[in-house]
Amino acid sequence: MATLSNNPVYPVVWKQDRVVLIDQTRIPQEFSVVEISRSGDMAQAIQTMIVRGAPAIGVAAAYGIYLGATEIKTDVRDRFLTELEVIAAQLRATRPTAVNLFWAIDRMMKTARQTLGSVQHLRETLLTTAHQICQDDLATCKAMGDYGVTVLPETPHKVRLLTHCNAGALATAGYGTALGVVRSAWTAGRLERVYADETRPRLQGAKLTSWECVQEGIPVTVITDNMAAHCMHHGMIDVVVVGADRIAANGDAANKIGTYSVALVAAAHNVPFYVAAPLSTIDFSIPDGSHIEIEERDSAEIYKVGETMICPSSGVDYFNPAFDVTPARLIAGIITEFGVFKPEDLKAALFDKQAQ
């Protein structure tokens, strides 16, 4: 399990009898934490994006299942499992696009159904499983980071890398997917600078990615979302690496809104575009990206920045999809904990591993 330490970038931490979450809605203005001891509060924290990023959501949901298990006041196994499924349904309903949420909940519920013995033993096993999901994510992200370094282009200078949204320690158990590649590249002496798209409308790139880079002394330049083409045209970007919230069997990848635009711009400038995501983000049950449900969020995210109104709140229609889908044809490779694969090779290479 992740534990509190001098490193502040552990977004989901187990502490005695509760979960401590970094409140990502307050970064970079302040660093603060929220303590969660009830499953309903965990569902609310996921819904309101106190915790966000597909792998981090999965870890948080796993602990949410355990917290729910401690709230159930019965020692009758069948009744316990029935009530636990209600809690699982509440957590599943929080964020429809992030497949890691469903993967983690399904793993926890499978553990609950398969664990024999007393209800108290079942609860203890659920906590052990949640800890394991957290630890596995840390190891997975480190492996992804190291594999990602192997596909960075050879350039006369150190690599300039563009990323979109935040796929870093804050979005995982503590190392990152796309920013895991950044961290490993920085450690290996391969990285010159990160360019971080601001990522409208919630500004996760400007607020979170830049904040993470500052914590570790990694050079970072924030650009607005509509500057990516200009930067590529002027030779400022060598490679793009982004995360994902769900990847279809054919390699189509859903990530934060605006990612598809970056992929199109990268293709126009012959800049390689990679997606970094763990096996748990690949949904082999859907054939392509058209089957990915896209979450739509409150229009206030568009017409307000913080408490500042930037356009009319009435008399104007707003459309606020949280994600878009990048077609596999635009993706040079998908970086996983098992290696880097072309989108068309994903199913043959990894389906059996996911089944395990």
Protein backbone atom coordinates (compact mmCIF):
# COMPACT_ATOMS: atom_id res chain seq x y z
CA MET A 1 0.00 0.00 0.00
CA ALA A 2 1.07 3.59 -0.55
CA THR A 3 1.95 5.32 2.71
CA LEU A 4 2.39 8.95 3.66
CA SER A 5 5.98 10.10 3.21
CA ASN A 6 8.03 13.14 2.32
CA ASN A 7 6.91 12.70 -1.30
CA PRO A 8 3.59 14.58 -1.55
CA VAL A 9 2.53 12.99 -4.82
CA TYR A 10 0.66 9.95 -3.53
CA PRO A 11 -2.95 10.82 -4.34
CA VAL A 12 -4.56 7.82 -2.61
CA VAL A 13 -3.08 6.73 0.73
CA TRP A 14 -4.37 4.25 3.30
CA LYS A 15 -3.94 5.51 6.87
CA GLN A 16 -5.06 3.24 9.71
CA ASP A 17 -8.82 3.11 9.11
CA ARG A 18 -9.39 5.65 6.34
CA VAL A 19 -8.20 6.88 2.96
CA VAL A 20 -6.31 10.14 2.60
CA LEU A 21 -6.79 11.80 -0.79
CA ILE A 22 -4.87 14.75 -2.19
CA ASP A 23 -7.59 17.27 -3.08
CA GLN A 24 -6.74 17.80 -6.73
CA THR A 25 -9.36 20.51 -7.13
CA ARG A 26 -7.21 22.82 -4.97
CA ILE A 27 -3.84 22.39 -6.69
CA PRO A 28 -1.86 24.56 -7.41
CA GLN A 29 -3.39 27.18 -5.14
CA GLU A 30 -2.84 24.97 -2.12
CA PHE A 31 -1.85 21.45 -1.15
CA SER A 32 -4.49 19.88 1.06
CA VAL A 33 -5.89 16.44 1.77
CA VAL A 34 -9.34 14.98 2.36
CA GLU A 35 -9.88 12.05 4.71
CA ILE A 36 -12.47 9.51 3.60
CA SER A 37 -13.95 6.90 5.95
CA ARG A 38 -17.27 6.11 4.21
CA SER A 39 -17.97 4.58 0.81
CA GLY A 40 -20.52 7.29 -0.03
CA ASP A 41 -17.93 9.97 0.59
CA MET A 42 -15.51 8.12 -1.70
CA ALA A 43 -18.13 8.06 -4.44
CA GLN A 44 -18.58 11.80 -4.00
CA ALA A 45 -14.82 12.40 -4.11
CA ILE A 46 -14.57 10.50 -7.40
CA GLN A 47 -17.60 12.28 -8.88
CA THR A 48 -16.33 15.75 -7.96
CA MET A 49 -12.78 14.97 -9.13
CA ILE A 50 -11.09 15.38 -5.76
CA VAL A 51 -9.43 12.22 -7.02
CA ARG A 52 -9.13 11.83 -10.82
CA GLY A 53 -7.16 9.97 -13.44
CA ALA A 54 -8.25 6.47 -14.43
CA PRO A 55 -5.73 4.40 -12.39
CA ALA A 56 -6.12 6.61 -9.30
CA ILE A 57 -9.89 6.32 -9.58
CA GLY A 58 -9.53 2.54 -9.67
CA VAL A 59 -7.39 2.51 -6.51
CA ALA A 60 -9.80 4.88 -4.75
CA ALA A 61 -12.80 2.76 -5.73
CA ALA A 62 -11.09 -0.39 -4.41
CA TYR A 63 -10.68 1.27 -1.02
CA GLY A 64 -14.26 2.54 -1.34
CA ILE A 65 -15.48 -1.05 -1.59
CA TYR A 66 -13.57 -1.95 1.57
CA LEU A 67 -14.94 1.06 3.43
CA GLY A 68 -18.41 0.01 2.36
CA ALA A 69 -17.72 -3.48 3.66
CA THR A 70 -16.96 -2.05 7.10
CA GLU A 71 -20.30 -0.23 7.09
CA ILE A 72 -22.39 -3.37 6.51
CA LYS A 73 -23.81 -4.58 9.84
CA THR A 74 -24.39 -8.26 9.21
CA ASP A 75 -22.40 -11.45 9.60
CA VAL A 76 -24.65 -13.38 7.21
CA ARG A 77 -22.58 -13.93 4.06
CA ASP A 78 -25.33 -13.76 1.42
CA ARG A 79 -26.85 -10.63 2.92
CA PHE A 80 -23.39 -9.07 3.19
CA LEU A 81 -22.65 -9.71 -0.50
CA THR A 82 -26.04 -8.32 -1.55
CA GLU A 83 -25.43 -5.09 0.37
CA LEU A 84 -21.86 -4.86 -0.95
CA GLU A 85 -23.16 -5.02 -4.52
CA VAL A 86 -25.34 -1.96 -3.81
CA ILE A 87 -22.22 -0.09 -2.68
CA ALA A 88 -20.37 -1.27 -5.79
CA ALA A 89 -23.19 0.02 -8.01
CA GLN A 90 -22.97 3.44 -6.33
CA LEU A 91 -19.24 3.61 -7.05
CA ARG A 92 -19.67 2.36 -10.64
CA ALA A 93 -22.09 5.22 -11.35
CA THR A 94 -19.55 7.98 -10.58
CA ARG A 95 -17.45 8.22 -13.79
CA PRO A 96 -18.65 6.26 -16.86
CA THR A 97 -15.58 6.54 -19.13
CA ALA A 98 -12.69 5.43 -16.87
CA VAL A 99 -12.55 1.66 -17.29
CA ASN A 100 -10.10 1.23 -14.39
CA LEU A 101 -12.98 2.14 -12.09
CA PHE A 102 -14.99 -0.86 -13.25
CA TRP A 103 -11.93 -3.12 -13.41
CA ALA A 104 -11.01 -2.41 -9.78
CA ILE A 105 -14.58 -2.79 -8.52
CA ASP A 106 -14.99 -6.06 -10.43
CA ARG A 107 -11.74 -7.38 -8.94
CA MET A 108 -12.88 -6.45 -5.44
CA MET A 109 -16.30 -8.03 -5.93
CA LYS A 110 -14.75 -11.19 -7.38
CA THR A 111 -12.54 -11.37 -4.29
CA ALA A 112 -15.60 -10.97 -2.07
CA ARG A 113 -17.50 -13.75 -3.82
CA GLN A 114 -14.56 -16.17 -3.85
CA THR A 115 -13.32 -15.64 -0.29
CA LEU A 116 -14.49 -18.34 2.11
CA GLY A 117 -14.76 -18.06 5.87
CA SER A 118 -16.33 -15.47 8.11
CA VAL A 119 -17.56 -12.07 6.98
CA GLN A 120 -14.80 -10.50 9.09
CA HIS A 121 -12.20 -12.55 7.19
CA LEU A 122 -13.84 -11.41 3.96
CA ARG A 123 -13.48 -7.78 5.02
CA GLU A 124 -9.80 -8.28 5.85
CA THR A 125 -9.22 -9.92 2.47
CA LEU A 126 -10.87 -6.99 0.70
CA LEU A 127 -8.48 -4.57 2.39
CA THR A 128 -5.51 -6.73 1.39
CA THR A 129 -6.77 -6.74 -2.20
CA ALA A 130 -7.17 -2.94 -2.25
CA HIS A 131 -3.59 -2.59 -0.97
CA GLN A 132 -2.44 -4.95 -3.73
CA ILE A 133 -4.23 -2.95 -6.43
CA CYS A 134 -2.45 0.16 -5.18
CA GLN A 135 0.98 -1.50 -5.06
CA ASP A 136 0.49 -3.14 -8.45
CA ASP A 137 -0.26 0.24 -10.00
CA LEU A 138 2.98 1.72 -8.69
CA ALA A 139 4.98 -1.16 -10.18
CA THR A 140 2.99 -1.04 -13.40
CA CYS A 141 3.61 2.66 -13.92
CA LYS A 142 7.35 2.30 -13.31
CA ALA A 143 7.49 -0.48 -15.92
CA MET A 144 5.53 1.67 -18.39
CA GLY A 145 7.87 4.57 -17.81
CA ASP A 146 10.91 2.46 -18.56
CA TYR A 147 9.37 0.93 -21.69
CA GLY A 148 8.36 4.41 -22.84
CA VAL A 149 11.95 5.61 -22.80
CA THR A 150 12.85 2.91 -25.36
CA VAL A 151 10.57 4.43 -28.03
CA LEU A 152 11.56 8.07 -27.64
CA PRO A 153 12.93 9.31 -30.96
CA GLU A 154 16.66 9.73 -31.45
CA THR A 155 17.33 13.45 -31.84
CA PRO A 156 20.45 15.66 -31.98
CA HIS A 157 19.32 17.08 -28.64
CA LYS A 158 17.46 15.76 -25.65
CA VAL A 159 13.79 15.06 -26.31
CA ARG A 160 11.10 17.76 -26.10
CA LEU A 161 7.86 15.98 -25.15
CA LEU A 162 4.28 17.25 -25.34
CA THR A 163 1.57 15.84 -23.11
CA HIS A 164 -2.12 16.64 -22.71
CA CYS A 165 -4.05 16.70 -19.42
CA ASN A 166 -2.48 15.05 -16.36
CA ALA A 167 -1.40 11.43 -16.54
CA GLY A 168 1.09 11.67 -13.72
CA ALA A 169 1.51 10.61 -10.12
CA LEU A 170 -1.73 12.43 -9.27
CA ALA A 171 -3.64 10.32 -11.81
CA THR A 172 -2.25 6.99 -10.56
CA ALA A 173 -1.04 5.44 -7.31
CA GLY A 174 2.03 7.67 -7.41
CA TYR A 175 4.29 7.51 -10.52
CA GLY A 176 2.22 8.14 -13.63
CA THR A 177 1.49 6.76 -17.08
CA ALA A 178 2.45 9.47 -19.58
CA LEU A 179 4.32 11.35 -16.86
CA GLY A 180 5.80 8.04 -15.80
CA VAL A 181 7.52 8.08 -19.19
CA VAL A 182 8.58 11.66 -18.47
CA ARG A 183 10.01 10.71 -15.06
CA SER A 184 11.92 7.75 -16.48
CA ALA A 185 13.21 9.82 -19.41
CA TRP A 186 14.36 12.56 -17.04
CA THR A 187 16.15 10.04 -14.83
CA ALA A 188 17.78 8.49 -17.91
CA GLY A 189 19.05 11.89 -19.13
CA ARG A 190 16.92 11.70 -22.31
CA LEU A 191 14.53 14.59 -21.62
CA GLU A 192 15.09 18.28 -22.28
CA ARG A 193 11.65 19.69 -21.52
CA VAL A 194 7.98 18.90 -21.13
CA TYR A 195 5.37 20.97 -22.97
CA ALA A 196 2.06 20.74 -21.11
CA ASP A 197 -1.20 21.65 -22.83
CA GLU A 198 -3.34 23.63 -20.39
CA THR A 199 -6.29 21.26 -21.08
CA ARG A 200 -9.48 23.26 -21.10
CA PRO A 201 -11.94 23.37 -19.51
CA ARG A 202 -10.63 22.04 -16.15
CA LEU A 203 -7.00 22.99 -16.87
CA GLN A 204 -5.45 19.76 -15.56
CA GLY A 205 -2.32 20.28 -17.63
CA ALA A 206 -1.77 23.83 -16.44
CA LYS A 207 -2.67 23.10 -12.83
CA LEU A 208 -1.54 19.53 -12.20
CA THR A 209 1.06 18.47 -14.77
CA SER A 210 3.07 21.66 -14.34
CA TRP A 211 2.79 21.32 -10.54
CA GLU A 212 4.14 17.76 -10.65
CA CYS A 213 7.07 18.77 -12.84
CA VAL A 214 7.93 21.62 -10.47
CA GLN A 215 8.02 19.17 -7.54
CA GLU A 216 10.78 17.18 -9.25
CA GLY A 217 12.65 19.97 -11.00
CA ILE A 218 11.68 18.81 -14.50
CA PRO A 219 11.69 21.74 -16.98
CA VAL A 220 8.13 22.42 -18.10
CA THR A 221 6.47 24.93 -20.40
CA VAL A 222 2.69 25.38 -20.28
CA ILE A 223 1.00 26.21 -23.57
CA THR A 224 -2.65 26.82 -24.37
CA ASP A 225 -4.40 24.00 -26.18
CA ASN A 226 -4.47 25.89 -29.50
CA MET A 227 -0.69 26.36 -29.55
CA ALA A 228 0.29 22.72 -30.19
CA ALA A 229 0.24 23.05 -34.00
CA HIS A 230 2.35 26.21 -33.88
CA CYS A 231 4.92 24.54 -31.63
CA MET A 232 5.15 21.46 -33.86
CA HIS A 233 5.39 23.56 -37.01
CA HIS A 234 8.40 25.35 -35.52
CA GLY A 235 10.13 22.10 -34.54
CA MET A 236 9.67 22.53 -30.81
CA ILE A 237 8.09 19.10 -30.17
CA ASP A 238 9.76 15.74 -30.86
CA VAL A 239 7.14 13.33 -29.46
CA VAL A 240 3.70 13.29 -27.86
CA VAL A 241 2.85 10.97 -24.96
CA VAL A 242 -0.61 11.00 -23.37
CA GLY A 243 -2.56 8.78 -21.01
CA ALA A 244 -5.93 7.11 -21.54
CA ASP A 245 -9.11 6.38 -19.63
CA ARG A 246 -10.28 3.51 -21.84
CA ILE A 247 -8.75 1.76 -24.84
CA ALA A 248 -10.85 -0.40 -27.16
CA ALA A 249 -9.72 -3.77 -28.50
CA ASN A 250 -8.62 -2.20 -31.80
CA GLY A 251 -6.48 0.45 -30.06
CA ASP A 252 -8.85 3.43 -30.26
CA ALA A 253 -8.11 5.42 -27.09
CA ALA A 254 -10.34 7.70 -25.02
CA ASN A 255 -8.52 10.43 -23.17
CA LYS A 256 -9.22 13.96 -21.98
CA ILE A 257 -11.05 16.15 -24.46
CA GLY A 258 -8.62 17.73 -26.92
CA THR A 259 -6.38 14.66 -27.21
CA TYR A 260 -7.81 13.79 -30.64
CA SER A 261 -6.91 17.29 -31.89
CA VAL A 262 -3.33 16.84 -30.66
CA ALA A 263 -3.09 13.49 -32.45
CA LEU A 264 -4.29 15.02 -35.73
CA VAL A 265 -1.79 17.86 -35.42
CA ALA A 266 1.00 15.40 -34.60
CA ALA A 267 0.19 13.31 -37.66
CA ALA A 268 0.27 16.41 -39.87
CA HIS A 269 3.77 17.22 -38.61
CA ASN A 270 5.16 13.65 -38.53
CA VAL A 271 5.54 13.78 -34.76
CA PRO A 272 5.07 10.33 -33.18
CA PHE A 273 2.05 10.07 -30.89
CA TYR A 274 2.05 7.48 -28.09
CA VAL A 275 -0.50 6.45 -25.48
CA ALA A 276 0.73 5.18 -22.11
CA ALA A 277 -1.79 3.09 -20.17
CA PRO A 278 -1.83 -0.09 -18.08
CA LEU A 279 -3.45 -3.33 -19.19
CA SER A 280 -6.38 -2.55 -16.86
CA THR A 281 -7.28 0.43 -19.11
CA ILE A 282 -7.74 -1.79 -22.18
CA ASP A 283 -11.35 -2.91 -22.59
CA PHE A 284 -11.28 -5.95 -24.85
CA SER A 285 -15.06 -6.29 -24.54
CA ILE A 286 -15.59 -3.40 -26.98
CA PRO A 287 -14.34 -3.68 -30.58
CA ASP A 288 -13.62 0.02 -31.19
CA GLY A 289 -13.92 3.51 -29.77
CA SER A 290 -17.49 4.08 -30.95
CA HIS A 291 -18.60 1.90 -28.03
CA ILE A 292 -16.92 4.07 -25.38
CA GLU A 293 -19.40 6.09 -23.33
CA ILE A 294 -18.29 9.72 -23.17
CA GLU A 295 -19.02 11.51 -19.92
CA GLU A 296 -20.56 14.98 -20.23
CA ARG A 297 -19.95 17.41 -17.39
CA ASP A 298 -21.53 20.58 -16.03
CA SER A 299 -21.54 23.55 -18.42
CA ALA A 300 -20.24 25.74 -15.58
CA GLU A 301 -16.80 24.23 -16.23
CA ILE A 302 -16.83 26.15 -19.52
CA TYR A 303 -18.33 29.49 -18.57
CA LYS A 304 -16.44 29.83 -15.28
CA VAL A 305 -12.78 29.58 -14.33
CA GLY A 306 -12.82 29.24 -10.57
CA GLU A 307 -15.34 31.86 -9.48
CA THR A 308 -14.70 34.13 -12.48
CA MET A 309 -17.34 34.26 -15.22
CA ILE A 310 -15.68 34.29 -18.64
CA CYS A 311 -18.83 34.09 -20.80
CA PRO A 312 -22.60 34.35 -20.28
CA SER A 313 -24.15 31.71 -18.03
CA SER A 314 -27.57 32.07 -19.68
CA GLY A 315 -28.80 32.60 -23.22
CA VAL A 316 -25.91 30.47 -24.52
CA ASP A 317 -25.82 26.71 -25.09
CA TYR A 318 -22.80 24.74 -23.89
CA PHE A 319 -21.46 21.31 -24.80
CA ASN A 320 -18.95 19.82 -22.38
CA PRO A 321 -17.78 16.29 -23.21
CA ALA A 322 -14.99 15.30 -20.82
CA PHE A 323 -13.24 12.95 -23.25
CA ASP A 324 -12.71 12.27 -26.93
CA VAL A 325 -11.53 9.19 -28.79
CA THR A 326 -8.29 9.12 -30.78
CA PRO A 327 -8.46 6.59 -33.64
CA ALA A 328 -5.87 3.82 -33.57
CA ARG A 329 -4.54 4.90 -36.97
CA LEU A 330 -3.07 8.04 -35.35
CA ILE A 331 -1.31 6.16 -32.54
CA ALA A 332 2.30 5.05 -33.12
CA GLY A 333 2.23 2.71 -30.15
CA ILE A 334 0.56 1.94 -26.84
CA ILE A 335 2.97 1.79 -23.91
CA THR A 336 1.96 -0.81 -21.31
CA GLU A 337 3.64 -2.56 -18.40
CA PHE A 338 4.30 -5.50 -20.75
CA GLY A 339 5.95 -3.50 -23.51
CA VAL A 340 5.04 -1.18 -26.37
CA PHE A 341 2.58 -2.46 -28.96
CA LYS A 342 1.09 -1.20 -32.18
CA PRO A 343 -2.67 -0.74 -31.71
CA GLU A 344 -3.48 -3.57 -34.10
CA ASP A 345 -1.33 -5.97 -32.06
CA LEU A 346 -2.90 -5.26 -28.68
CA LYS A 347 -5.49 -8.00 -28.60
CA ALA A 348 -3.19 -10.76 -29.80
CA ALA A 349 -0.45 -9.70 -27.40
CA LEU A 350 -2.37 -8.91 -24.24
CA PHE A 351 -5.87 -10.44 -24.20
CA ASP A 352 -4.72 -13.61 -22.44
CA LYS A 353 -2.86 -11.59 -19.82
CA GLN A 354 -5.99 -9.61 -19.00
CA ALA A 355 -7.99 -12.82 -18.71
CA GLN A 356 -5.54 -14.00 -16.06
